[in-house]
Every structure is written in C-alpha cells, then in structure tokens.
Protein backbone atom coordinates (compact mmCIF):
# COMPACT_ATOMS: atom_id res chain seq x y z
CA MET A 1 25.31 -3.10 -38.32
CA GLY A 2 27.94 -2.27 -35.68
CA GLU A 3 25.95 0.75 -34.52
CA LYS A 4 22.80 -1.35 -34.13
CA ALA A 5 24.66 -4.00 -32.21
CA ALA A 6 26.03 -1.36 -29.83
CA PHE A 7 22.50 -0.18 -29.14
CA ALA A 8 21.05 -3.58 -28.25
CA LEU A 9 19.52 -2.39 -25.01
CA ALA A 10 17.70 -5.66 -24.44
CA GLY A 11 19.50 -7.92 -26.84
CA HIS A 12 20.44 -10.51 -24.25
CA ASN A 13 18.54 -13.75 -23.88
CA PRO A 14 17.18 -13.88 -21.26
CA ASP A 15 16.70 -10.22 -20.45
CA VAL A 16 18.79 -9.59 -17.33
CA LEU A 17 16.01 -7.48 -15.77
CA THR A 18 13.75 -10.54 -15.64
CA CYS A 19 16.35 -12.43 -13.62
CA ILE A 20 17.40 -10.15 -10.77
CA ALA A 21 16.06 -10.71 -7.27
CA ASN A 22 13.96 -8.11 -5.49
CA LEU A 23 15.59 -5.97 -2.84
CA SER A 24 12.71 -6.58 -0.40
CA ASN A 25 8.93 -6.49 -0.28
CA ASP A 26 9.28 -2.72 0.12
CA GLU A 27 11.60 -2.06 -2.83
CA VAL A 28 10.36 -4.26 -5.66
CA PHE A 29 11.83 -4.47 -9.15
CA THR A 30 9.29 -4.01 -11.94
CA PRO A 31 9.22 -6.80 -14.58
CA PRO A 32 9.83 -5.47 -18.12
CA GLU A 33 6.54 -6.84 -19.44
CA PHE A 34 4.63 -5.03 -16.70
CA ALA A 35 6.51 -1.80 -17.42
CA ASP A 36 5.49 -2.21 -21.05
CA GLU A 37 1.83 -2.64 -20.04
CA MET A 38 2.01 0.65 -18.15
CA LEU A 39 3.70 2.37 -21.08
CA ASP A 40 1.00 1.09 -23.43
CA THR A 41 -1.61 2.64 -21.13
CA LEU A 42 0.30 5.91 -21.17
CA ALA A 43 0.61 5.86 -24.96
CA GLU A 44 -3.13 5.31 -25.40
CA ALA A 45 -3.98 8.24 -23.13
CA TRP A 46 -1.45 10.50 -24.86
CA ALA A 47 -2.83 9.63 -28.28
CA ALA A 48 -6.40 10.29 -27.12
CA ASP A 49 -5.37 13.77 -25.94
CA HIS A 50 -3.22 14.59 -29.01
CA GLY A 51 -5.34 13.66 -31.99
CA GLY A 52 -3.94 10.15 -32.28
CA ALA A 53 -0.29 11.23 -32.25
CA SER A 54 2.31 8.84 -30.86
CA ILE A 55 4.12 9.93 -27.74
CA TRP A 56 7.12 7.93 -28.97
CA ALA A 57 7.37 10.07 -32.12
CA ASN A 58 7.63 13.33 -30.15
CA PRO A 59 11.24 14.54 -29.63
CA GLU A 60 10.16 17.15 -27.05
CA VAL A 61 8.45 14.94 -24.44
CA THR A 62 10.44 14.53 -21.21
CA PHE A 63 10.23 11.59 -18.80
CA LEU A 64 11.30 11.27 -15.16
CA ASP A 65 11.53 8.15 -13.01
CA PRO A 66 12.08 9.66 -9.54
CA CYS A 67 12.63 6.30 -7.84
CA THR A 68 14.49 4.20 -10.35
CA LYS A 69 15.82 0.82 -9.27
CA SER A 70 16.60 -1.46 -12.20
CA GLY A 71 16.11 1.30 -14.77
CA VAL A 72 13.43 -0.73 -16.53
CA PHE A 73 11.06 2.16 -17.18
CA LEU A 74 13.81 4.39 -18.55
CA ARG A 75 15.17 1.57 -20.68
CA GLN A 76 11.80 0.66 -22.18
CA ILE A 77 10.99 4.31 -22.80
CA THR A 78 14.34 4.78 -24.53
CA LYS A 79 13.76 1.79 -26.78
CA ARG A 80 10.37 3.11 -27.83
CA LEU A 81 11.63 6.64 -28.47
CA VAL A 82 14.60 5.40 -30.51
CA ASP A 83 12.20 3.42 -32.71
CA GLY A 84 9.61 6.20 -32.86
CA LEU A 85 11.93 9.07 -33.80
CA VAL A 86 13.43 7.48 -36.91
CA GLU A 87 11.81 9.98 -39.28
CA GLN A 88 12.68 13.08 -37.24
CA ILE A 89 16.27 11.98 -36.47
CA PRO A 90 17.39 9.41 -39.09
CA ASP A 91 20.92 8.92 -37.76
CA LEU A 92 20.88 6.24 -35.06
CA GLN A 93 23.65 7.65 -32.87
CA GLN A 94 22.21 11.16 -33.01
CA ARG A 95 18.82 9.72 -32.15
CA VAL A 96 20.19 7.79 -29.17
CA ASP A 97 22.09 10.83 -27.91
CA HIS A 98 19.03 13.04 -28.23
CA VAL A 99 16.78 10.64 -26.31
CA LEU A 100 19.25 9.98 -23.53
CA THR A 101 20.43 13.56 -23.02
CA LYS A 102 17.20 15.49 -23.66
CA GLN A 103 14.25 13.22 -22.87
CA VAL A 104 14.98 10.53 -20.26
CA PHE A 105 15.85 11.30 -16.63
CA GLY A 106 16.00 9.33 -13.40
CA ILE A 107 16.83 9.49 -9.69
CA GLY A 108 18.29 6.38 -8.10
CA ILE A 109 17.00 5.29 -4.70
CA THR A 110 20.35 3.82 -3.60
CA GLN A 111 23.92 3.79 -4.86
CA LEU A 112 23.47 0.22 -6.08
CA THR A 113 20.24 0.84 -7.97
CA ALA A 114 21.65 3.99 -9.57
CA LEU A 115 24.54 1.97 -10.98
CA LEU A 116 22.15 -0.78 -12.09
CA ALA A 117 19.86 1.73 -13.80
CA ARG A 118 22.77 3.34 -15.66
CA ARG A 119 23.92 -0.09 -16.78
CA SER A 120 20.40 -0.84 -18.04
CA VAL A 121 19.97 2.44 -19.92
CA TYR A 122 23.49 3.39 -21.03
CA CYS A 123 24.91 -0.16 -21.15
CA SER A 124 27.56 1.15 -18.77
CA LYS A 125 27.57 2.34 -15.15
CA ASN A 126 29.57 5.29 -16.46
CA ALA A 127 27.58 7.31 -19.02
CA THR A 128 30.83 8.72 -20.44
CA GLY A 129 32.69 5.43 -20.48
CA PRO A 130 33.93 3.54 -23.56
CA HIS A 131 31.05 1.06 -23.45
CA SER A 132 28.29 3.66 -23.05
CA ILE A 133 25.86 3.93 -25.96
CA ALA A 134 25.47 7.65 -25.17
CA HIS A 135 28.05 10.00 -26.68
CA GLY A 136 26.55 13.29 -25.52
CA PHE A 137 27.29 13.41 -21.78
CA ASP A 138 30.06 15.21 -19.95
CA ARG A 139 29.20 13.68 -16.56
CA GLU A 140 29.58 10.07 -15.47
CA TRP A 141 26.07 9.73 -14.10
CA GLY A 142 24.45 11.01 -17.29
CA ASN A 143 20.83 11.82 -16.49
CA ILE A 144 20.42 9.21 -13.74
CA TRP A 145 21.29 11.10 -10.58
CA PHE A 146 22.18 9.76 -7.16
CA GLU A 147 23.89 11.22 -4.13
CA ARG A 148 23.57 10.14 -0.55
CA THR A 149 20.74 12.05 1.14
CA GLU A 150 20.34 12.47 4.87
CA HIS A 151 17.19 12.43 6.97
CA ASP A 152 16.16 15.61 8.77
CA TRP A 153 15.61 14.58 12.39
CA VAL A 154 12.98 16.42 14.39
CA GLN A 155 10.86 15.78 17.49
CA ARG A 156 13.78 14.48 19.49
CA LYS A 157 13.18 13.85 23.14
CA THR A 158 14.89 16.26 25.48
CA GLU A 159 16.39 15.87 28.91
CA ARG A 160 17.21 18.46 31.56
CA ARG A 161 20.84 18.36 32.61
CA ALA A 162 23.13 20.56 34.65
CA HIS A 163 25.81 22.38 32.66
CA PRO A 164 29.15 20.72 33.58
CA LEU A 165 30.84 24.07 34.27
CA THR A 166 28.15 26.48 35.45
CA GLY A 167 25.66 24.05 36.93
CA ASP A 168 22.84 25.87 35.12
CA ASP A 169 19.88 23.81 33.95
CA GLN A 170 19.82 23.16 30.20
CA ARG A 171 17.65 21.15 27.84
CA ILE A 172 19.61 18.61 25.81
CA GLU A 173 18.29 16.93 22.68
CA LEU A 174 18.80 13.17 22.86
CA GLU A 175 20.31 11.79 19.70
CA GLY A 176 18.60 8.70 18.35
CA THR A 177 15.12 9.67 19.56
CA GLY A 178 13.83 11.72 16.63
CA ARG A 179 11.95 11.07 13.43
CA CYS A 180 12.54 12.38 9.93
CA ARG A 181 10.24 15.28 9.15
CA PHE A 182 9.96 14.18 5.51
CA CYS A 183 9.36 10.43 5.69
CA GLY A 184 8.80 9.63 9.37
CA ALA A 185 11.82 7.30 9.63
CA SER A 186 13.03 6.48 13.13
CA GLU A 187 16.38 8.04 13.98
CA ALA A 188 17.28 5.02 16.09
CA ALA A 189 16.84 2.73 13.08
CA TYR A 190 18.02 4.92 10.21
CA ALA A 191 20.84 7.10 11.57
CA ARG A 192 23.35 4.73 10.03
CA GLY A 193 26.66 6.51 9.93
CA ASP A 194 28.59 7.20 6.77
CA VAL A 195 28.65 3.73 5.23
CA ARG A 196 25.21 2.11 5.19
CA GLU A 197 22.38 3.34 2.98
CA THR A 198 20.16 5.86 4.74
CA HIS A 199 17.06 5.15 2.62
CA ALA A 200 16.42 8.88 2.75
CA TYR A 201 14.95 8.97 -0.73
CA ASP A 202 15.96 12.22 -2.43
CA PHE A 203 12.67 12.87 -4.23
CA ILE A 204 10.62 13.07 -1.04
CA HIS A 205 13.26 14.81 1.11
CA SER A 206 12.79 18.32 -0.17
CA ASP A 207 10.89 21.48 0.70
CA ASP A 208 11.07 22.66 -2.93
CA ILE A 209 11.30 19.80 -5.39
CA GLU A 210 11.51 22.07 -8.46
CA VAL A 211 14.62 23.79 -7.11
CA GLN A 212 16.09 20.43 -6.10
CA LEU A 213 15.65 18.95 -9.57
CA ALA A 214 17.14 22.04 -11.17
CA GLU A 215 20.22 21.58 -8.96
CA HIS A 216 20.47 17.91 -9.99
CA PHE A 217 20.05 18.28 -13.74
CA GLY A 218 21.44 21.77 -14.27
CA ALA A 219 18.33 23.50 -15.57
CA ASP A 220 14.74 24.30 -14.71
CA MET A 221 13.00 21.04 -15.54
CA GLN A 222 9.37 20.56 -16.58
CA PHE A 223 8.62 16.88 -17.00
CA ASP A 224 5.74 15.84 -19.21
CA VAL A 225 5.59 12.30 -17.82
CA ILE A 226 6.55 11.03 -14.36
CA ILE A 227 6.60 7.26 -14.04
CA GLY A 228 7.87 4.77 -11.50
CA ASN A 229 7.48 2.10 -8.85
CA PRO A 230 8.32 3.88 -5.57
CA PRO A 231 9.48 2.24 -2.34
CA TYR A 232 6.42 1.17 -0.42
CA GLN A 233 7.46 1.68 3.20
CA LEU A 234 10.49 1.78 5.44
CA SER A 235 10.92 -1.77 6.65
CA LYS A 236 11.39 -1.43 10.40
CA ASP A 237 11.57 1.20 13.08
CA ASP A 238 13.53 1.00 16.31
CA ALA A 239 10.82 -1.15 17.89
CA GLY A 240 11.03 -3.66 15.06
CA GLN A 241 7.64 -2.65 13.68
CA ASN A 242 6.76 -1.67 10.13
CA VAL A 243 6.34 2.08 9.81
CA GLY A 244 3.79 3.95 7.74
CA ALA A 245 3.56 3.89 3.98
CA ILE A 246 5.80 6.24 2.01
CA TYR A 247 4.66 5.54 -1.56
CA ASP A 248 1.94 8.15 -1.13
CA ARG A 249 4.64 10.79 -0.59
CA PHE A 250 6.18 10.01 -3.99
CA VAL A 251 2.79 10.42 -5.64
CA GLU A 252 2.07 13.70 -3.87
CA GLN A 253 5.53 15.08 -4.68
CA ALA A 254 5.15 14.10 -8.33
CA VAL A 255 1.82 15.93 -8.57
CA GLU A 256 3.55 19.03 -7.15
CA LEU A 257 5.72 19.07 -10.30
CA GLU A 258 2.59 19.45 -12.46
CA PRO A 259 3.39 16.86 -15.12
CA LYS A 260 0.97 16.21 -17.95
CA PHE A 261 0.84 12.53 -16.99
CA LEU A 262 1.73 10.62 -13.85
CA ILE A 263 1.73 6.82 -13.88
CA MET A 264 2.92 4.71 -10.95
CA VAL A 265 2.57 1.22 -9.56
CA ILE A 266 1.83 1.21 -5.83
CA PRO A 267 0.40 -1.11 -3.16
CA ALA A 268 -3.40 -1.30 -3.20
CA ARG A 269 -3.67 -0.88 0.57
CA TRP A 270 -4.71 2.73 0.07
CA MET A 271 -8.07 1.47 -1.22
CA ALA A 272 -9.34 0.42 2.20
CA GLY A 273 -6.40 -0.35 4.47
CA GLY A 274 -4.36 1.76 6.82
CA LYS A 275 -5.58 4.21 9.41
CA GLU A 276 -8.66 6.26 8.64
CA THR A 277 -6.69 9.35 9.66
CA GLY A 278 -3.08 10.21 8.90
CA ASN A 279 -1.15 10.18 5.65
CA LEU A 280 -2.71 7.10 4.08
CA GLY A 281 -6.22 8.23 4.98
CA ARG A 282 -5.59 11.59 3.34
CA PHE A 283 -4.04 9.89 0.33
CA ARG A 284 -7.09 7.63 -0.05
CA ASP A 285 -9.37 10.67 0.03
CA TRP A 286 -7.25 12.31 -2.64
CA MET A 287 -7.29 9.24 -4.88
CA LEU A 288 -11.04 8.71 -4.51
CA ASN A 289 -11.87 12.35 -5.25
CA SER A 290 -9.25 13.27 -7.85
CA ARG A 291 -10.94 14.27 -11.09
CA GLN A 292 -7.62 13.82 -12.90
CA LEU A 293 -7.37 10.09 -12.15
CA GLN A 294 -8.08 8.52 -15.54
CA VAL A 295 -7.10 4.82 -15.34
CA LEU A 296 -6.85 2.36 -12.44
CA VAL A 297 -5.70 -1.23 -12.98
CA ASP A 298 -6.02 -3.44 -9.91
CA TYR A 299 -4.14 -6.67 -9.15
CA PRO A 300 -5.61 -8.13 -5.91
CA VAL A 301 -2.84 -10.77 -5.85
CA SER A 302 0.58 -9.14 -6.08
CA LYS A 303 2.39 -12.35 -7.03
CA GLU A 304 0.69 -12.22 -10.42
CA VAL A 305 2.94 -9.23 -11.17
CA PHE A 306 5.89 -9.55 -8.80
CA THR A 307 6.90 -13.20 -8.71
CA GLY A 308 7.79 -14.33 -5.21
CA VAL A 309 6.71 -11.09 -3.57
CA ASP A 310 3.60 -10.97 -1.40
CA VAL A 311 2.37 -7.41 -1.02
CA LYS A 312 -0.60 -7.73 1.31
CA GLY A 313 -3.70 -6.27 -0.29
CA GLY A 314 -2.32 -6.54 -3.81
CA ILE A 315 -0.93 -3.84 -6.07
CA CYS A 316 -2.30 -1.47 -8.66
CA TYR A 317 -1.15 1.10 -11.14
CA PHE A 318 -2.88 4.33 -12.02
CA LEU A 319 -2.69 6.98 -14.69
CA TRP A 320 -3.21 10.58 -13.61
CA ASN A 321 -3.85 13.02 -16.47
CA SER A 322 -3.73 16.74 -15.74
CA SER A 323 -6.21 17.46 -18.55
CA HIS A 324 -8.72 14.76 -17.58
CA HIS A 325 -11.85 15.73 -15.66
CA GLY A 326 -14.24 12.86 -15.14
CA GLY A 327 -14.66 9.24 -14.17
CA VAL A 328 -12.02 6.56 -13.91
CA GLN A 329 -11.56 3.69 -16.33
CA VAL A 330 -11.17 0.68 -14.04
CA LYS A 331 -10.29 -2.95 -14.54
CA SER A 332 -9.18 -5.77 -12.27
CA VAL A 333 -6.81 -8.63 -13.08
CA ARG A 334 -7.03 -11.93 -11.20
CA ASP A 335 -5.63 -15.30 -12.27
CA HIS A 336 -4.14 -13.38 -15.22
CA GLU A 337 -7.64 -12.65 -16.53
CA ALA A 338 -8.70 -9.01 -16.86
CA SER A 339 -12.24 -7.97 -16.10
CA PRO A 340 -14.03 -5.79 -18.67
CA SER A 341 -12.92 -2.19 -18.34
CA MET A 342 -15.64 0.12 -17.04
CA MET A 343 -16.07 3.76 -16.13
CA ARG A 344 -16.59 4.39 -12.41
CA GLN A 345 -16.83 7.20 -9.89
CA LEU A 346 -14.54 6.12 -7.07
CA ASN A 347 -15.90 8.32 -4.29
CA GLU A 348 -19.38 6.85 -3.79
CA PHE A 349 -18.11 5.37 -0.52
CA ASP A 350 -15.30 6.36 1.83
CA VAL A 351 -13.18 3.43 0.61
CA TYR A 352 -12.69 1.97 -2.85
CA ILE A 353 -14.96 -0.98 -3.61
CA ARG A 354 -12.87 -3.19 -5.87
CA GLU A 355 -15.67 -5.31 -7.30
CA PRO A 356 -18.44 -3.40 -9.16
CA ARG A 357 -20.96 -6.17 -8.40
CA ALA A 358 -20.47 -5.44 -4.71
CA VAL A 359 -21.48 -1.81 -5.17
CA GLN A 360 -25.11 -2.65 -5.95
CA ILE A 361 -25.31 -5.00 -2.96
CA LEU A 362 -23.87 -2.33 -0.70
CA ARG A 363 -26.37 0.22 -2.00
CA LYS A 364 -29.25 -2.08 -1.10
CA VAL A 365 -27.90 -2.63 2.40
CA ALA A 366 -27.23 1.07 2.97
CA SER A 367 -30.76 2.00 1.84
CA HIS A 368 -32.17 0.49 5.05
CA GLY A 369 -30.44 3.18 7.11
CA GLU A 370 -29.48 0.82 9.94
CA SER A 371 -26.79 1.57 12.48
CA SER A 372 -23.34 0.14 11.85
CA PHE A 373 -22.22 -3.03 13.60
CA LYS A 374 -18.89 -1.22 14.06
CA GLY A 375 -20.39 0.35 17.17
CA LYS A 376 -20.39 -3.04 18.90
CA VAL A 377 -16.73 -3.78 18.10
CA SER A 378 -13.89 -2.76 20.39
CA SER A 379 -10.64 -1.06 19.52
CA ARG A 380 -7.43 -3.05 19.01
CA ASP A 381 -6.59 -3.47 22.70
CA PRO A 382 -10.03 -3.94 24.29
CA PHE A 383 -8.78 -4.24 27.86
CA GLY A 384 -5.71 -2.01 27.69
CA PRO A 385 -2.01 -2.32 26.86
CA VAL A 386 -1.13 -4.51 29.85
CA LEU A 387 -2.95 -7.39 28.18
CA GLY A 388 -0.68 -7.44 25.14
CA SER A 389 0.07 -10.47 23.01
CA LYS A 390 3.05 -11.32 25.26
CA PHE A 391 1.08 -11.20 28.50
CA THR A 392 2.22 -14.08 30.75
CA ASP A 393 0.90 -13.13 34.17
CA TYR A 394 -1.81 -15.79 34.09
CA ARG A 395 -2.53 -18.88 36.19
CA ARG A 396 -3.70 -22.32 35.23
CA THR A 397 -5.51 -22.66 38.55
CA PRO A 398 -7.66 -19.66 39.57
CA ALA A 399 -6.94 -17.62 42.65
CA ALA A 400 -9.63 -15.77 44.55
CA GLY A 401 -11.16 -13.06 42.36
CA ASP A 402 -9.57 -14.27 39.11
CA VAL A 403 -11.46 -14.14 35.83
CA GLN A 404 -11.22 -16.27 32.69
CA LEU A 405 -8.50 -15.10 30.27
CA TYR A 406 -8.56 -15.88 26.54
CA PHE A 407 -5.25 -15.67 24.67
CA ASN A 408 -3.10 -17.38 22.06
CA LEU A 409 -0.14 -19.55 22.97
CA ASP A 410 2.22 -20.82 20.26
CA GLY A 411 -0.33 -19.93 17.63
CA LYS A 412 -3.19 -21.80 19.28
CA ARG A 413 -6.16 -20.61 21.29
CA ASP A 414 -5.81 -21.08 25.02
CA ARG A 415 -7.55 -20.18 28.27
CA ALA A 416 -6.29 -19.57 31.75
CA TRP A 417 -7.02 -17.26 34.69
CA ALA A 418 -5.87 -13.72 35.50
CA ASP A 419 -6.47 -10.90 37.92
CA ARG A 420 -9.23 -8.62 36.67
CA ALA A 421 -7.00 -5.67 37.62
CA ALA A 422 -4.92 -6.48 34.50
CA ALA A 423 -7.65 -4.66 32.55
CA THR A 424 -6.98 -0.93 32.48
CA LYS A 425 -10.00 0.00 30.35
CA ASN A 426 -13.47 -1.29 29.44
CA GLN A 427 -13.85 -2.92 32.83
CA GLN A 428 -17.61 -3.00 32.19
CA LEU A 429 -17.01 -5.62 29.49
CA ILE A 430 -15.45 -8.03 31.98
CA ASP A 431 -18.85 -8.81 33.50
CA ALA A 432 -20.77 -8.84 30.22
CA TRP A 433 -21.61 -11.49 27.66
CA LYS A 434 -19.55 -10.89 24.54
CA LEU A 435 -17.99 -12.39 21.45
CA LEU A 436 -14.22 -12.56 21.13
CA VAL A 437 -12.98 -12.41 17.54
CA PRO A 438 -9.41 -12.53 16.16
CA GLU A 439 -7.91 -9.19 15.18
CA ALA A 440 -6.12 -10.85 12.25
CA ALA A 441 -7.27 -13.59 9.91
CA SER A 442 -6.82 -14.58 6.24
CA ASP A 443 -4.84 -12.54 3.73
CA GLY A 444 -7.43 -10.01 2.66
CA GLY A 445 -8.80 -11.59 -0.51
CA GLN A 446 -5.57 -13.13 -1.77
CA LYS A 447 -7.50 -16.38 -2.21
CA VAL A 448 -11.08 -16.74 -3.41
CA PRO A 449 -13.30 -17.92 -1.82
CA ASP A 450 -12.03 -16.40 1.42
CA ILE A 451 -12.89 -17.06 5.06
CA VAL A 452 -12.31 -13.31 5.78
CA LEU A 453 -12.57 -13.54 9.60
CA GLY A 454 -11.50 -15.94 12.32
CA LYS A 455 -14.04 -17.98 14.25
CA PRO A 456 -15.76 -16.21 17.14
CA ILE A 457 -15.78 -17.28 20.78
CA VAL A 458 -18.81 -16.88 23.04
CA ALA A 459 -17.24 -15.50 26.22
CA ALA A 460 -19.27 -15.75 29.40
CA PRO A 461 -18.74 -13.22 32.19
CA PRO A 462 -16.44 -12.60 33.93
CA SER A 463 -13.74 -12.79 31.27
CA LEU A 464 -10.82 -10.95 29.68
CA ALA A 465 -8.79 -11.30 26.49
CA THR A 466 -5.40 -10.18 25.24
CA LEU A 467 -5.12 -7.94 22.20
CA THR A 468 -5.11 -11.06 20.02
CA TYR A 469 -8.87 -10.56 20.16
CA LEU A 470 -11.39 -7.79 19.70
CA THR A 471 -14.61 -7.86 21.67
CA ILE A 472 -18.11 -7.64 20.19
CA GLY A 473 -20.86 -6.65 22.60
CA PRO A 474 -21.93 -6.27 25.28
CA PHE A 475 -24.96 -8.56 25.06
CA GLN A 476 -27.63 -9.16 27.66
CA SER A 477 -27.71 -12.96 27.64
CA VAL A 478 -26.10 -16.08 26.31
CA ASP A 479 -28.92 -16.44 23.75
CA GLU A 480 -28.37 -12.92 22.41
CA THR A 481 -24.63 -13.57 22.17
CA ARG A 482 -25.20 -16.82 20.27
CA ASN A 483 -27.57 -15.06 17.90
CA ALA A 484 -24.92 -12.43 17.21
CA ARG A 485 -22.49 -15.26 16.56
CA SER A 486 -24.88 -16.78 14.02
CA TYR A 487 -24.92 -13.44 12.20
CA TYR A 488 -21.12 -13.11 12.30
CA CYS A 489 -20.74 -16.56 10.73
CA THR A 490 -22.97 -15.81 7.73
CA LYS A 491 -21.41 -15.27 4.34
CA PHE A 492 -23.40 -12.04 4.07
CA PHE A 493 -21.74 -10.58 7.18
CA ARG A 494 -18.23 -11.57 6.15
CA PHE A 495 -18.78 -10.40 2.58
CA LEU A 496 -19.54 -6.88 3.82
CA VAL A 497 -16.45 -7.02 6.02
CA SER A 498 -14.33 -8.14 3.06
CA LEU A 499 -15.12 -4.90 1.19
CA ARG A 500 -12.98 -3.01 3.71
CA LYS A 501 -10.59 -5.75 4.83
CA ILE A 502 -7.73 -5.56 2.34
CA THR A 503 -5.01 -7.19 4.48
CA GLN A 504 -4.92 -9.83 7.22
CA HIS A 505 -5.83 -7.32 9.92
CA ALA A 506 -9.47 -6.86 10.90
CA PRO A 507 -9.66 -3.73 13.06
CA GLN A 508 -12.88 -2.11 14.18
CA SER A 509 -13.17 -0.12 10.94
CA VAL A 510 -13.68 -3.18 8.69
CA TYR A 511 -17.14 -3.70 10.26
CA THR A 512 -18.39 -0.28 9.09
CA PHE A 513 -20.57 -1.57 6.22
CA VAL A 514 -22.18 -4.31 8.34
CA PRO A 515 -25.67 -3.33 9.61
CA THR A 516 -26.76 -4.15 13.14
CA GLN A 517 -29.58 -6.71 13.46
CA ASP A 518 -32.15 -7.71 16.04
CA PHE A 519 -30.32 -10.29 18.14
CA SER A 520 -33.41 -11.64 19.85
CA ARG A 521 -33.32 -14.22 17.04
CA PRO A 522 -30.64 -16.13 15.11
CA TRP A 523 -29.71 -15.27 11.52
CA THR A 524 -28.98 -17.26 8.38
CA ASP A 525 -27.82 -16.20 4.96
CA ALA A 526 -31.27 -17.01 3.55
CA ASP A 527 -32.83 -14.60 6.06
CA LEU A 528 -30.41 -11.84 5.13
CA TYR A 529 -30.63 -12.34 1.37
CA ALA A 530 -34.41 -12.02 1.64
CA LYS A 531 -34.30 -9.00 3.97
CA TYR A 532 -32.09 -7.02 1.59
CA SER A 533 -33.83 -8.22 -1.60
CA LEU A 534 -30.71 -9.64 -3.21
CA THR A 535 -31.06 -11.13 -6.67
CA ASP A 536 -30.01 -14.63 -7.61
CA ASP A 537 -26.92 -13.20 -9.34
CA GLU A 538 -25.98 -11.16 -6.27
CA ILE A 539 -26.44 -14.16 -4.01
CA ALA A 540 -24.34 -16.32 -6.32
CA PHE A 541 -21.61 -13.69 -6.26
CA ILE A 542 -21.46 -13.62 -2.45
CA GLU A 543 -21.50 -17.40 -2.31
CA SER A 544 -18.60 -17.57 -4.77
CA MET A 545 -16.48 -15.09 -2.79
CA ILE A 546 -16.89 -16.32 0.81
CA ARG A 547 -16.14 -19.69 2.35
CA PRO A 548 -18.62 -21.23 4.79
CA MET A 549 -17.97 -20.91 8.53
CA GLU A 550 -19.51 -23.44 10.86
CA VAL A 551 -21.05 -22.21 14.10
CA GLU A 552 -19.23 -24.16 16.79
CA ASN A 553 -20.71 -25.40 20.03
CA ASP A 554 -19.75 -23.44 23.14
C-alpha cells in the first residue's frame, strides 16, 4: 500500500495541472483531459497498425515531449504505461523505474517549466531526491532536460567606421540589430543578458537535432512517439509587433527525427491564415499534401479547450503516422459537440476548408470559371506607408487641392481632408469611385453566425484612406460602386470570404474564392443562390453561418 501511495501521480483532488494559470497565449498549458483525448487517438492508431496491440503494454516504445511545460503529456503517458505493463513487469517499483528511465523523455522550454514537469512526472523537481518516485536515475534532471540556450544572431546591420588607431575604414556589426537564424527572434527584444529567459527553445535551435538529443540523453535516441503542445509564437519583437509563428518549426524538426507517430496540438491559423509565402505558407502546403497525416481534430473556438485563452482562428491537433498513406480522418468540435468523423483529401484547394458542406458550394462556384474578386482589392496599405493608422496630418477644413480622407479616430469612423501628396502609391485610385472596407473585422468564425467583414463605404473621388481600410475598385460610376456594395453585403459573398478568413484580419487574399460579377446591376442573395444552383440545404447552411448586413445609405 505504501508503494502505491508513493506513486499517486495524480492522486490530489483537484489535480494541480487543472489549476495552474497559462504562461501566455503563446505558451499554453494543456489540460489533462485534452492530453488524454490525444493519447486515446494515438492508442487507436497504434492498435490499428499493430494488430490490436496496446501501445501501453509495450515496454520498448519511447516517447518524447520536446516542448514540455507542465509535464502533463509525460505524466499521463507514465500513468498509462505503469498500468499497462503489469504483466511484463509485475513489481511496481521496477515498473515505474523502467518507464521513467527507458521510455519517457522531455525537453523543458524554460527553467520554470522544466522544474514543473519534473515535479509532475517524478513527484519531485529533483529526480534523484528523497521524494522522487524514480529510483533509477543518477542525474537530478532525470529524463527531462533543460539548459539555457542562446539565439544565433545573424543579418545584423553594419556601419562603416574609421579604426581608432589607423584611421582605416572598417565594417562594424551593430549589436541588437540581428535576428535569430533558427526562430527569427529579434535581437533587440530577445538578447536578454544572463538572467532573463531567452525563449531560444532548444529543440528548434539546432543544425543536427539527432546529435543534439544524443548529447542531452547520453545515447543515440530513436523516439517512436513525439507528442507536445509547442510554443505558438514569440510574443513581441523590438517594434512591439507579434512575430511569425514558430510552432511549425517544432513540427518540422520532429518529422526530421523520423518517429513512427507525431501528435501535436497547434494553432489552426495554418489552415488559411498567415502569409501565402514564407514559413507558414510552406507549412500549410506540407500539411495539406502530407500523405502521412492520418487524423485532424479541429476546435474553431480555442476557449473550448484552453479556458480563458483566445487563440485567434482556434486550435487543432493532428496525428502524423509514418506508415500511413492516404486520406485524413477529420472531425470538428464546436460547442463541445463533435461532428461525425469523415475521410477527406485536404489538398483540393490551396487552403483547408474546415466545413465539408462548404466544399460542395465552393466546387459549384469554381465550376463557372469566373475571375477572382481578389483582383479588385488593394494590398494592406492602399495609398502607401505615409497614410498609416497613426496619420494625423489632416485638416477639418479643406485647403486648396485637398481631398477627402477616411480614417478611424478612437475606434470610430471619421472623415477629414488631406493633401493628395500623402499618397505615395495608387494615385490613380484617388480620382476613382471605390469602396473602402475595413482591413480587420470579427474574430474569424469564433461566433456563429458571423458578420465576417466590416461595412463598406462608397467613396466618391477624389478621396484617400489610411491603412485602416482596403480599397475595392476602381469603378466607373456611383451606380457601379453601389452595385458592388450590394454584392459585398450579401451572405453569399461573405460566406466565401469566411472560408479563408480565419482571424480578425481580412487582407486581399481572403477574397480569392469570391467570383467577380457584372456590376451594371445590383445583387441579392436570391440572385446568387439561383446563379450557382445551390440546394435548399446549401442555402440554409450559408444562412445559418452568416449574419445579415444592411446596405447603408451613402
């Protein structure tokens, strides 16, 4: 009885790992029940590939969490293995020692989380301490490794200076101006001295991850299962802006290790968000086209998994199986209700379409072969960087040659006057009829039905706008502009936008699926449903997903 009491990994009520606060929206603790759901998915896939055998009854399978925070995955895996190996290793202490020293491994993302993970798994921050349930280690950190890792700064700006003694010209690298070649972190923000955490995550700061893991754990390691919830992004760069995603780098590095199974929970922004080029674009292409992706479980609303954490675009977890070659078993969970699981090919379109009912609608629209409405939509700063969101060089009373300026002030739409010379590009749009539409609106499907886009403004020439707005046009007349507005306000239009708009931002790319229409006439949803031969069920689906938008008077 004493041995069993000493091994009560989760014997507290409540479980401490359900009570701790998240580090941030970028480093989120995984709830134990969600970790168990992922482990159940893993166990089902393992059994299907191994004649029904239980992964938890196999004393040879090795597990790695390369980004452990609370230690929840390692703890839940340990519990299952200790229960599953009773027949092979009857003695409890021997069984515990075998699991913890031979099967379960982790890499902490910070000093704090490494200590927390060891406490969760070994019941002691010191794996060799008197309170540790493991008796087989000769090192304090056991198999949960952490050491401070430094960024590798490259691409520093240089400056020509005279040598103080010889006067010769020399190029000097300017400290604080570089970026990490592994994760893209800003040197100005993350060169933090010797005390603060660097957030240079060990697993993705390596040119040869196999050699690095061998150095950590003392042997050449081949992990059968890699599992985790990686950091999502580095919070801020030196300009105070969020930097690119980094969770994709954990996935790519894990695949390099050639595990049998990889299962991770990540933000769902890869499905349609982010830049079309760059790391996230490449990662999306990989996910959509990977024949080894076996299971994808989608949570459009992140708070249904991570209480109190709003990850824009939702979260998902996936199971990658090195021996799988085929379609992906997909399901979606909203309002804690799971949709029926179905087999899908993810690469029919260049982004992932979350809702299968939308796929058939999109096929019907695409069959008409019409040009994309995206061609009428401007880039993020339609009139150039001078007219940024903090532009203040406007006048309430126009001076000679001024043009109307549309902008936001204290969160509200406003108009004033500005010199047309403030526009450094697209000057031809100044003297054209156009629509102005907000670049950001709604939360990307977090609530259903959704408005999707902000209300459009009919802008008469001559006029400008700050980067709060994108422009749609040019149009030849006020009537043509109003007809385009009627189309924009339909549920049909905004539904097609919603298939690519996974966060609050609505850049040019989210209009890709929208077909261009004849704007010599106005448009209604009834017109569009008839044109594209939508069924009653398809119409009802669109109507249930999109909120009405009233066309306002000019």
